[in-house]
Amino acid sequence: MSLRVAVLVLWRRSNLPINIRLLRRTFVLLAMTLLISCSSFDNLLATSTPVILTQTPLPTSTRIWFPPSATTTLGVNSIIQTSTPVPILELGNLILEDDFSDETLWDIASSEQATSAINSNRLILSAQSGVYMLSLRHEIVLTDYYAEITAQPSLCKGKDNYGLLIRASSASYFRFVITCDGTVRAERYSSGTRLVLQQPEISADAPHGAPSQVKIGVWVYGKEMRLYLNDHFQFSIIDPSFPSGTVGVFVRAEEDTPIVIAFSDLVINEIK
């Protein structure tokens, strides 16, 4: 029912004469009142609409340009650099010189997987892919000394590696490793457990692949050991685990092809 009809009905029920002017005035007042009420109701609905709160983003952390480090670890892409060269200290009397003419002085073995053999004054170690082979020198137990040996890779690539064993026994030793991709590192091996003492570093003195040749020297005194390649200092490690032992050599074929390394001219001197 419209507003105007409702007003007329009221007037008729009241049995009063209809005054058209007054009726219009009353109609206008009622219409304005209704509009104001509707507007207020709409405003009430608008204000009662729930507001969706957005989560305030957490503040970003402060950038640390030089984070502290408990230890310095050199990655495989590091290049060996020393601010002060470390020379080979004055050597004393000759302890041992081995020209690899007597095969009874070394571990000699042969199988389809790996071989160690002496031929033409060289100790030749070979191994198939995934195989590790070592040979230890017999009849010597050393404490402090400087040992030097020449290695000649004839088959060697990528992650294949070889090197010198220091203060060695059948169950434990220090291992100075040269990888055929030109890196060097040091490890400690004991009863099946390997611990990296020096992370891999790129060295200009480490041969890339084969055929090649490198002179490996290790200076050992007390708990300190220093690696030299071609008379150039590489790095130093400190470890008191094994105070004495023999020397040895090893090869490991990490790639999908065999590795073959010949070792010759072992010389060991005292350290003054």
C-alpha atoms as a PDB file:
ATOM      1  CA  MET A   1       0.000   0.000   0.000  1.00  0.00           C
ATOM      2  CA  SER A   2       1.400   3.399  -0.999  1.00  0.00           C
ATOM      3  CA  LEU A   3       1.879   6.234   1.452  1.00  0.00           C
ATOM      4  CA  ARG A   4      -0.791   8.405  -0.178  1.00  0.00           C
ATOM      5  CA  VAL A   5      -3.486   5.676  -0.039  1.00  0.00           C
ATOM      6  CA  ALA A   6      -2.623   4.987   3.614  1.00  0.00           C
ATOM      7  CA  VAL A   7      -3.186   8.654   4.480  1.00  0.00           C
ATOM      8  CA  LEU A   8      -6.522   8.736   2.661  1.00  0.00           C
ATOM      9  CA  VAL A   9      -7.706   5.670   4.538  1.00  0.00           C
ATOM     10  CA  LEU A  10      -6.861   7.318   7.841  1.00  0.00           C
ATOM     11  CA  TRP A  11      -8.743  10.455   6.924  1.00  0.00           C
ATOM     12  CA  ARG A  12     -11.790   8.485   5.868  1.00  0.00           C
ATOM     13  CA  ARG A  13     -11.893   6.464   9.102  1.00  0.00           C
ATOM     14  CA  SER A  14     -11.670   9.633  11.101  1.00  0.00           C
ATOM     15  CA  ASN A  15     -14.872  10.987   9.386  1.00  0.00           C
ATOM     16  CA  LEU A  16     -13.168  14.347   8.932  1.00  0.00           C
ATOM     17  CA  PRO A  17     -13.481  16.487   5.817  1.00  0.00           C
ATOM     18  CA  ILE A  18     -10.569  16.106   3.537  1.00  0.00           C
ATOM     19  CA  ASN A  19      -8.383  19.182   3.161  1.00  0.00           C
ATOM     20  CA  ILE A  20      -6.315  18.634   0.064  1.00  0.00           C
ATOM     21  CA  ARG A  21      -3.661  21.228   0.999  1.00  0.00           C
ATOM     22  CA  LEU A  22      -3.303  19.803   4.476  1.00  0.00           C
ATOM     23  CA  LEU A  23      -3.202  16.313   3.068  1.00  0.00           C
ATOM     24  CA  ARG A  24      -0.326  17.212   0.742  1.00  0.00           C
ATOM     25  CA  ARG A  25       1.538  18.844   3.605  1.00  0.00           C
ATOM     26  CA  THR A  26       1.072  15.766   5.781  1.00  0.00           C
ATOM     27  CA  PHE A  27       2.179  13.497   2.948  1.00  0.00           C
ATOM     28  CA  VAL A  28       5.390  15.504   2.464  1.00  0.00           C
ATOM     29  CA  LEU A  29       6.240  15.350   6.167  1.00  0.00           C
ATOM     30  CA  LEU A  30       5.670  11.614   6.318  1.00  0.00           C
ATOM     31  CA  ALA A  31       7.802  11.042   3.219  1.00  0.00           C
ATOM     32  CA  MET A  32      10.711  13.089   4.610  1.00  0.00           C
ATOM     33  CA  THR A  33      10.529  11.217   7.911  1.00  0.00           C
ATOM     34  CA  LEU A  34      10.605   7.884   6.117  1.00  0.00           C
ATOM     35  CA  LEU A  35      13.592   8.905   3.959  1.00  0.00           C
ATOM     36  CA  ILE A  36      15.571  10.073   6.969  1.00  0.00           C
ATOM     37  CA  SER A  37      14.843   6.799   8.769  1.00  0.00           C
ATOM     38  CA  CYS A  38      15.953   4.724   5.777  1.00  0.00           C
ATOM     39  CA  SER A  39      19.157   6.777   5.453  1.00  0.00           C
ATOM     40  CA  SER A  40      19.959   6.259   9.122  1.00  0.00           C
ATOM     41  CA  PHE A  41      19.321   2.514   8.785  1.00  0.00           C
ATOM     42  CA  ASP A  42      21.631   2.317   5.758  1.00  0.00           C
ATOM     43  CA  ASN A  43      24.342   4.159   7.694  1.00  0.00           C
ATOM     44  CA  LEU A  44      23.890   1.743  10.544  1.00  0.00           C
ATOM     45  CA  LEU A  45      24.305  -1.198   8.192  1.00  0.00           C
ATOM     46  CA  ALA A  46      27.397   0.382   6.672  1.00  0.00           C
ATOM     47  CA  THR A  47      29.053   0.913  10.010  1.00  0.00           C
ATOM     48  CA  SER A  48      28.156  -2.544  11.233  1.00  0.00           C
ATOM     49  CA  THR A  49      29.860  -4.208   8.269  1.00  0.00           C
ATOM     50  CA  PRO A  50      32.839  -6.180   9.691  1.00  0.00           C
ATOM     51  CA  VAL A  51      36.303  -4.959   8.705  1.00  0.00           C
ATOM     52  CA  ILE A  52      38.743  -7.639   7.487  1.00  0.00           C
ATOM     53  CA  LEU A  53      42.076  -7.023   9.194  1.00  0.00           C
ATOM     54  CA  THR A  54      45.192  -7.697   7.184  1.00  0.00           C
ATOM     55  CA  GLN A  55      48.202  -9.132   8.977  1.00  0.00           C
ATOM     56  CA  THR A  56      50.991  -6.619   9.424  1.00  0.00           C
ATOM     57  CA  PRO A  57      54.144  -7.996   7.784  1.00  0.00           C
ATOM     58  CA  LEU A  58      56.987  -8.817  10.136  1.00  0.00           C
ATOM     59  CA  PRO A  59      59.982  -6.488   9.991  1.00  0.00           C
ATOM     60  CA  THR A  60      62.836  -7.800   7.862  1.00  0.00           C
ATOM     61  CA  SER A  61      65.979  -8.852   9.657  1.00  0.00           C
ATOM     62  CA  THR A  62      68.986  -6.593   9.668  1.00  0.00           C
ATOM     63  CA  ARG A  63      71.517  -7.575   7.005  1.00  0.00           C
ATOM     64  CA  ILE A  64      74.814  -8.815   8.437  1.00  0.00           C
ATOM     65  CA  TRP A  65      77.515  -8.049   5.939  1.00  0.00           C
ATOM     66  CA  PHE A  66      80.328  -9.840   7.785  1.00  0.00           C
ATOM     67  CA  PRO A  67      78.814 -12.770   9.735  1.00  0.00           C
ATOM     68  CA  PRO A  68      81.049 -14.300  12.412  1.00  0.00           C
ATOM     69  CA  SER A  69      82.512 -17.737  11.750  1.00  0.00           C
ATOM     70  CA  ALA A  70      83.737 -20.164  14.378  1.00  0.00           C
ATOM     71  CA  THR A  71      86.156 -21.819  11.986  1.00  0.00           C
ATOM     72  CA  THR A  72      87.576 -20.963   8.598  1.00  0.00           C
ATOM     73  CA  THR A  73      86.726 -23.575   5.976  1.00  0.00           C
ATOM     74  CA  LEU A  74      88.329 -23.279   2.569  1.00  0.00           C
ATOM     75  CA  GLY A  75      86.168 -24.513  -0.288  1.00  0.00           C
ATOM     76  CA  VAL A  76      87.264 -26.484  -3.291  1.00  0.00           C
ATOM     77  CA  ASN A  77      87.453 -23.261  -5.336  1.00  0.00           C
ATOM     78  CA  SER A  78      89.932 -21.624  -2.970  1.00  0.00           C
ATOM     79  CA  ILE A  79      93.430 -21.066  -4.296  1.00  0.00           C
ATOM     80  CA  ILE A  80      96.381 -21.731  -2.030  1.00  0.00           C
ATOM     81  CA  GLN A  81      97.983 -18.452  -1.071  1.00  0.00           C
ATOM     82  CA  THR A  82     100.360 -17.782   1.793  1.00  0.00           C
ATOM     83  CA  SER A  83     101.346 -14.292   2.870  1.00  0.00           C
ATOM     84  CA  THR A  84     104.638 -15.588   4.261  1.00  0.00           C
ATOM     85  CA  PRO A  85     106.289 -18.533   2.461  1.00  0.00           C
ATOM     86  CA  VAL A  86     107.184 -21.425   4.752  1.00  0.00           C
ATOM     87  CA  PRO A  87     110.535 -22.851   3.680  1.00  0.00           C
ATOM     88  CA  ILE A  88     111.640 -26.444   4.157  1.00  0.00           C
ATOM     89  CA  LEU A  89     113.646 -26.149   7.359  1.00  0.00           C
ATOM     90  CA  GLU A  90     117.245 -27.281   7.469  1.00  0.00           C
ATOM     91  CA  LEU A  91     117.395 -31.036   7.195  1.00  0.00           C
ATOM     92  CA  GLY A  92     119.679 -33.373   9.100  1.00  0.00           C
ATOM     93  CA  ASN A  93     121.158 -36.746   8.369  1.00  0.00           C
ATOM     94  CA  LEU A  94     119.724 -39.124   5.815  1.00  0.00           C
ATOM     95  CA  ILE A  95     117.447 -41.711   7.424  1.00  0.00           C
ATOM     96  CA  LEU A  96     116.447 -43.732   4.388  1.00  0.00           C
ATOM     97  CA  GLU A  97     116.802 -43.686   0.619  1.00  0.00           C
ATOM     98  CA  ASP A  98     114.736 -46.172  -1.381  1.00  0.00           C
ATOM     99  CA  ASP A  99     115.214 -46.668  -5.107  1.00  0.00           C
ATOM    100  CA  PHE A 100     112.437 -49.296  -5.274  1.00  0.00           C
ATOM    101  CA  SER A 101     114.694 -52.126  -6.271  1.00  0.00           C
ATOM    102  CA  ASP A 102     113.599 -54.516  -3.483  1.00  0.00           C
ATOM    103  CA  GLU A 103     109.949 -55.542  -3.609  1.00  0.00           C
ATOM    104  CA  THR A 104     110.140 -57.242  -0.208  1.00  0.00           C
ATOM    105  CA  LEU A 105     110.230 -53.805   1.430  1.00  0.00           C
ATOM    106  CA  TRP A 106     106.703 -52.890   0.267  1.00  0.00           C
ATOM    107  CA  ASP A 107     103.212 -54.349   0.269  1.00  0.00           C
ATOM    108  CA  ILE A 108     102.915 -56.102  -3.077  1.00  0.00           C
ATOM    109  CA  ALA A 109      99.622 -57.551  -4.291  1.00  0.00           C
ATOM    110  CA  SER A 110      97.718 -58.235  -7.482  1.00  0.00           C
ATOM    111  CA  SER A 111      94.055 -58.881  -8.301  1.00  0.00           C
ATOM    112  CA  GLU A 112      91.485 -58.027 -10.929  1.00  0.00           C
ATOM    113  CA  GLN A 113      90.532 -54.923  -8.906  1.00  0.00           C
ATOM    114  CA  ALA A 114      93.928 -53.467  -7.918  1.00  0.00           C
ATOM    115  CA  THR A 115      97.664 -54.049  -8.186  1.00  0.00           C
ATOM    116  CA  SER A 116     100.848 -52.873  -6.479  1.00  0.00           C
ATOM    117  CA  ALA A 117     104.084 -53.948  -8.125  1.00  0.00           C
ATOM    118  CA  ILE A 118     107.692 -52.834  -8.429  1.00  0.00           C
ATOM    119  CA  ASN A 119     109.022 -52.455 -11.942  1.00  0.00           C
ATOM    120  CA  SER A 120     112.085 -50.559 -13.213  1.00  0.00           C
ATOM    121  CA  ASN A 121     112.763 -48.886  -9.850  1.00  0.00           C
ATOM    122  CA  ARG A 122     109.201 -47.689  -9.514  1.00  0.00           C
ATOM    123  CA  LEU A 123     106.348 -48.772  -7.272  1.00  0.00           C
ATOM    124  CA  ILE A 124     103.301 -48.843  -9.561  1.00  0.00           C
ATOM    125  CA  LEU A 125      99.823 -48.743  -8.052  1.00  0.00           C
ATOM    126  CA  SER A 126      96.719 -49.275 -10.165  1.00  0.00           C
ATOM    127  CA  ALA A 127      93.035 -49.606  -9.291  1.00  0.00           C
ATOM    128  CA  GLN A 128      89.755 -50.085 -11.116  1.00  0.00           C
ATOM    129  CA  SER A 129      86.876 -47.643 -10.789  1.00  0.00           C
ATOM    130  CA  GLY A 130      85.689 -47.315  -7.196  1.00  0.00           C
ATOM    131  CA  VAL A 131      88.697 -49.145  -5.701  1.00  0.00           C
ATOM    132  CA  TYR A 132      91.240 -47.860  -3.139  1.00  0.00           C
ATOM    133  CA  MET A 133      94.755 -49.331  -3.074  1.00  0.00           C
ATOM    134  CA  LEU A 134      97.687 -48.627  -0.730  1.00  0.00           C
ATOM    135  CA  SER A 135     101.185 -49.950  -0.095  1.00  0.00           C
ATOM    136  CA  LEU A 136     103.223 -49.449   3.117  1.00  0.00           C
ATOM    137  CA  ARG A 137     106.997 -49.467   3.576  1.00  0.00           C
ATOM    138  CA  HIS A 138     108.259 -52.213   5.859  1.00  0.00           C
ATOM    139  CA  GLU A 139     110.959 -52.213   8.577  1.00  0.00           C
ATOM    140  CA  ILE A 140     110.809 -48.552   9.593  1.00  0.00           C
ATOM    141  CA  VAL A 141     109.054 -46.653  12.383  1.00  0.00           C
ATOM    142  CA  LEU A 142     109.530 -42.886  12.208  1.00  0.00           C
ATOM    143  CA  THR A 143     108.589 -39.952  14.447  1.00  0.00           C
ATOM    144  CA  ASP A 144     109.979 -36.611  13.189  1.00  0.00           C
ATOM    145  CA  TYR A 145     111.350 -36.366   9.652  1.00  0.00           C
ATOM    146  CA  TYR A 146     111.005 -34.941   6.151  1.00  0.00           C
ATOM    147  CA  ALA A 147     109.867 -37.462   3.508  1.00  0.00           C
ATOM    148  CA  GLU A 148     109.951 -36.829  -0.213  1.00  0.00           C
ATOM    149  CA  ILE A 149     108.735 -38.982  -3.113  1.00  0.00           C
ATOM    150  CA  THR A 150     108.057 -38.478  -6.827  1.00  0.00           C
ATOM    151  CA  ALA A 151     104.674 -39.414  -8.296  1.00  0.00           C
ATOM    152  CA  GLN A 152     104.052 -39.929 -12.010  1.00  0.00           C
ATOM    153  CA  PRO A 153     100.377 -40.284 -13.010  1.00  0.00           C
ATOM    154  CA  SER A 154      99.909 -42.207 -16.272  1.00  0.00           C
ATOM    155  CA  LEU A 155      96.132 -42.746 -15.999  1.00  0.00           C
ATOM    156  CA  CYS A 156      94.380 -40.162 -13.871  1.00  0.00           C
ATOM    157  CA  LYS A 157      91.434 -37.779 -14.331  1.00  0.00           C
ATOM    158  CA  GLY A 158      88.812 -35.771 -12.503  1.00  0.00           C
ATOM    159  CA  LYS A 159      88.287 -36.843  -8.886  1.00  0.00           C
ATOM    160  CA  ASP A 160      90.797 -39.703  -9.040  1.00  0.00           C
ATOM    161  CA  ASN A 161      93.397 -39.150  -6.309  1.00  0.00           C
ATOM    162  CA  TYR A 162      96.727 -40.358  -4.951  1.00  0.00           C
ATOM    163  CA  GLY A 163      99.360 -39.335  -2.436  1.00  0.00           C
ATOM    164  CA  LEU A 164     101.534 -40.024   0.577  1.00  0.00           C
ATOM    165  CA  LEU A 165     100.698 -41.755   3.874  1.00  0.00           C
ATOM    166  CA  ILE A 166     102.433 -40.478   7.024  1.00  0.00           C
ATOM    167  CA  ARG A 167     102.841 -42.092  10.480  1.00  0.00           C
ATOM    168  CA  ALA A 168     101.072 -45.047   9.017  1.00  0.00           C
ATOM    169  CA  SER A 169     100.066 -48.493  10.201  1.00  0.00           C
ATOM    170  CA  SER A 170      97.647 -51.028   8.752  1.00  0.00           C
ATOM    171  CA  ALA A 171      94.754 -49.469  10.716  1.00  0.00           C
ATOM    172  CA  SER A 172      95.537 -45.734  10.882  1.00  0.00           C
ATOM    173  CA  TYR A 173      97.495 -42.991   9.148  1.00  0.00           C
ATOM    174  CA  PHE A 174      97.550 -39.397   7.921  1.00  0.00           C
ATOM    175  CA  ARG A 175      96.777 -39.087   4.217  1.00  0.00           C
ATOM    176  CA  PHE A 176      97.987 -36.193   2.030  1.00  0.00           C
ATOM    177  CA  VAL A 177      95.817 -36.276  -1.070  1.00  0.00           C
ATOM    178  CA  ILE A 178      96.393 -34.922  -4.585  1.00  0.00           C
ATOM    179  CA  THR A 179      93.355 -35.011  -6.856  1.00  0.00           C
ATOM    180  CA  CYS A 180      93.696 -35.237 -10.618  1.00  0.00           C
ATOM    181  CA  ASP A 181      91.611 -32.083 -11.047  1.00  0.00           C
ATOM    182  CA  GLY A 182      94.358 -30.042  -9.367  1.00  0.00           C
ATOM    183  CA  THR A 183      93.351 -29.894  -5.695  1.00  0.00           C
ATOM    184  CA  VAL A 184      95.099 -30.961  -2.481  1.00  0.00           C
ATOM    185  CA  ARG A 185      93.776 -31.867   0.974  1.00  0.00           C
ATOM    186  CA  ALA A 186      94.690 -33.783   4.155  1.00  0.00           C
ATOM    187  CA  GLU A 187      92.795 -36.484   6.045  1.00  0.00           C
ATOM    188  CA  ARG A 188      93.142 -38.678   9.101  1.00  0.00           C
ATOM    189  CA  TYR A 189      92.102 -42.307   8.823  1.00  0.00           C
ATOM    190  CA  SER A 190      91.604 -44.569  11.827  1.00  0.00           C
ATOM    191  CA  SER A 191      89.806 -47.923  12.016  1.00  0.00           C
ATOM    192  CA  GLY A 192      87.471 -47.214   9.116  1.00  0.00           C
ATOM    193  CA  THR A 193      86.736 -43.582  10.052  1.00  0.00           C
ATOM    194  CA  ARG A 194      87.929 -40.730   7.829  1.00  0.00           C
ATOM    195  CA  LEU A 195      88.274 -37.163   9.085  1.00  0.00           C
ATOM    196  CA  VAL A 196      89.123 -34.247   6.778  1.00  0.00           C
ATOM    197  CA  LEU A 197      91.836 -32.116   8.400  1.00  0.00           C
ATOM    198  CA  GLN A 198      92.401 -29.738   5.485  1.00  0.00           C
ATOM    199  CA  GLN A 199      89.600 -28.946   3.029  1.00  0.00           C
ATOM    200  CA  PRO A 200      90.377 -29.263  -0.718  1.00  0.00           C
ATOM    201  CA  GLU A 201      92.254 -26.348  -2.246  1.00  0.00           C
ATOM    202  CA  ILE A 202      93.281 -25.663  -5.793  1.00  0.00           C
ATOM    203  CA  SER A 203      97.061 -25.718  -6.178  1.00  0.00           C
ATOM    204  CA  ALA A 204      99.132 -24.556  -9.111  1.00  0.00           C
ATOM    205  CA  ASP A 205     101.616 -27.315  -8.236  1.00  0.00           C
ATOM    206  CA  ALA A 206      99.105 -30.173  -8.424  1.00  0.00           C
ATOM    207  CA  PRO A 207      99.109 -31.786 -11.888  1.00  0.00           C
ATOM    208  CA  HIS A 208      95.923 -31.864 -13.943  1.00  0.00           C
ATOM    209  CA  GLY A 209      95.415 -35.345 -15.375  1.00  0.00           C
ATOM    210  CA  ALA A 210      98.116 -37.474 -16.941  1.00  0.00           C
ATOM    211  CA  PRO A 211     100.826 -37.990 -18.019  1.00  0.00           C
ATOM    212  CA  SER A 212     102.447 -35.714 -15.457  1.00  0.00           C
ATOM    213  CA  GLN A 213     104.876 -35.633 -12.550  1.00  0.00           C
ATOM    214  CA  VAL A 214     104.997 -34.055  -9.082  1.00  0.00           C
ATOM    215  CA  LYS A 215     107.389 -34.211  -6.140  1.00  0.00           C
ATOM    216  CA  ILE A 216     105.508 -34.697  -2.865  1.00  0.00           C
ATOM    217  CA  GLY A 217     107.149 -33.687   0.398  1.00  0.00           C
ATOM    218  CA  VAL A 218     105.800 -33.883   3.953  1.00  0.00           C
ATOM    219  CA  TRP A 219     107.561 -32.259   6.904  1.00  0.00           C
ATOM    220  CA  VAL A 220     106.605 -33.885  10.218  1.00  0.00           C
ATOM    221  CA  TYR A 221     107.579 -32.593  13.642  1.00  0.00           C
ATOM    222  CA  GLY A 222     105.617 -33.272  16.832  1.00  0.00           C
ATOM    223  CA  LYS A 223     101.944 -32.645  16.104  1.00  0.00           C
ATOM    224  CA  GLU A 224     102.558 -30.396  13.082  1.00  0.00           C
ATOM    225  CA  MET A 225     102.731 -31.601   9.465  1.00  0.00           C
ATOM    226  CA  ARG A 226     103.399 -29.516   6.354  1.00  0.00           C
ATOM    227  CA  LEU A 227     102.751 -30.436   2.749  1.00  0.00           C
ATOM    228  CA  TYR A 228     105.080 -29.378  -0.066  1.00  0.00           C
ATOM    229  CA  LEU A 229     104.633 -29.935  -3.794  1.00  0.00           C
ATOM    230  CA  ASN A 230     107.700 -29.371  -6.005  1.00  0.00           C
ATOM    231  CA  ASP A 231     109.366 -27.709  -2.979  1.00  0.00           C
ATOM    232  CA  HIS A 232     106.480 -25.198  -2.649  1.00  0.00           C
ATOM    233  CA  PHE A 233     104.626 -24.991   0.651  1.00  0.00           C
ATOM    234  CA  GLN A 234     100.910 -25.853   0.420  1.00  0.00           C
ATOM    235  CA  PHE A 235      99.448 -25.944   3.941  1.00  0.00           C
ATOM    236  CA  SER A 236     100.067 -27.025   7.522  1.00  0.00           C
ATOM    237  CA  ILE A 237      97.925 -29.140   9.840  1.00  0.00           C
ATOM    238  CA  ILE A 238      98.063 -29.799  13.577  1.00  0.00           C
ATOM    239  CA  ASP A 239      97.048 -33.223  14.910  1.00  0.00           C
ATOM    240  CA  PRO A 240      98.671 -35.226  17.743  1.00  0.00           C
ATOM    241  CA  SER A 241      96.730 -38.451  17.094  1.00  0.00           C
ATOM    242  CA  PHE A 242      99.533 -40.657  15.754  1.00  0.00           C
ATOM    243  CA  PRO A 243     103.035 -39.903  17.101  1.00  0.00           C
ATOM    244  CA  SER A 244     104.907 -42.385  14.900  1.00  0.00           C
ATOM    245  CA  GLY A 245     104.606 -44.939  12.118  1.00  0.00           C
ATOM    246  CA  THR A 246     105.872 -45.889   8.684  1.00  0.00           C
ATOM    247  CA  VAL A 247     105.270 -44.212   5.305  1.00  0.00           C
ATOM    248  CA  GLY A 248     103.200 -45.394   2.373  1.00  0.00           C
ATOM    249  CA  VAL A 249     101.505 -44.439  -0.865  1.00  0.00           C
ATOM    250  CA  PHE A 250      97.966 -44.896  -2.180  1.00  0.00           C
ATOM    251  CA  VAL A 251      95.639 -44.445  -5.167  1.00  0.00           C
ATOM    252  CA  ARG A 252      91.861 -44.220  -5.429  1.00  0.00           C
ATOM    253  CA  ALA A 253      89.863 -44.414  -8.685  1.00  0.00           C
ATOM    254  CA  GLU A 254      86.828 -42.147  -8.264  1.00  0.00           C
ATOM    255  CA  GLU A 255      85.964 -41.877 -11.949  1.00  0.00           C
ATOM    256  CA  ASP A 256      84.626 -44.568 -14.293  1.00  0.00           C
ATOM    257  CA  THR A 257      88.113 -45.470 -15.563  1.00  0.00           C
ATOM    258  CA  PRO A 258      91.192 -47.025 -13.860  1.00  0.00           C
ATOM    259  CA  ILE A 259      93.920 -45.005 -12.180  1.00  0.00           C
ATOM    260  CA  VAL A 260      97.654 -45.794 -12.570  1.00  0.00           C
ATOM    261  CA  ILE A 261     100.365 -43.935 -10.602  1.00  0.00           C
ATOM    262  CA  ALA A 262     104.100 -44.730 -10.426  1.00  0.00           C
ATOM    263  CA  PHE A 263     106.094 -43.706  -7.316  1.00  0.00           C
ATOM    264  CA  SER A 264     109.892 -43.403  -7.218  1.00  0.00           C
ATOM    265  CA  ASP A 265     112.888 -41.863  -5.405  1.00  0.00           C
ATOM    266  CA  LEU A 266     111.809 -41.987  -1.769  1.00  0.00           C
ATOM    267  CA  VAL A 267     114.144 -39.994   0.479  1.00  0.00           C
ATOM    268  CA  ILE A 268     113.697 -39.442   4.239  1.00  0.00           C
ATOM    269  CA  ASN A 269     115.839 -37.067   6.281  1.00  0.00           C
ATOM    270  CA  GLU A 270     116.056 -36.057   9.916  1.00  0.00           C
ATOM    271  CA  ILE A 271     114.917 -32.594  10.965  1.00  0.00           C
ATOM    272  CA  LYS A 272     117.393 -30.478  12.855  1.00  0.00           C
END
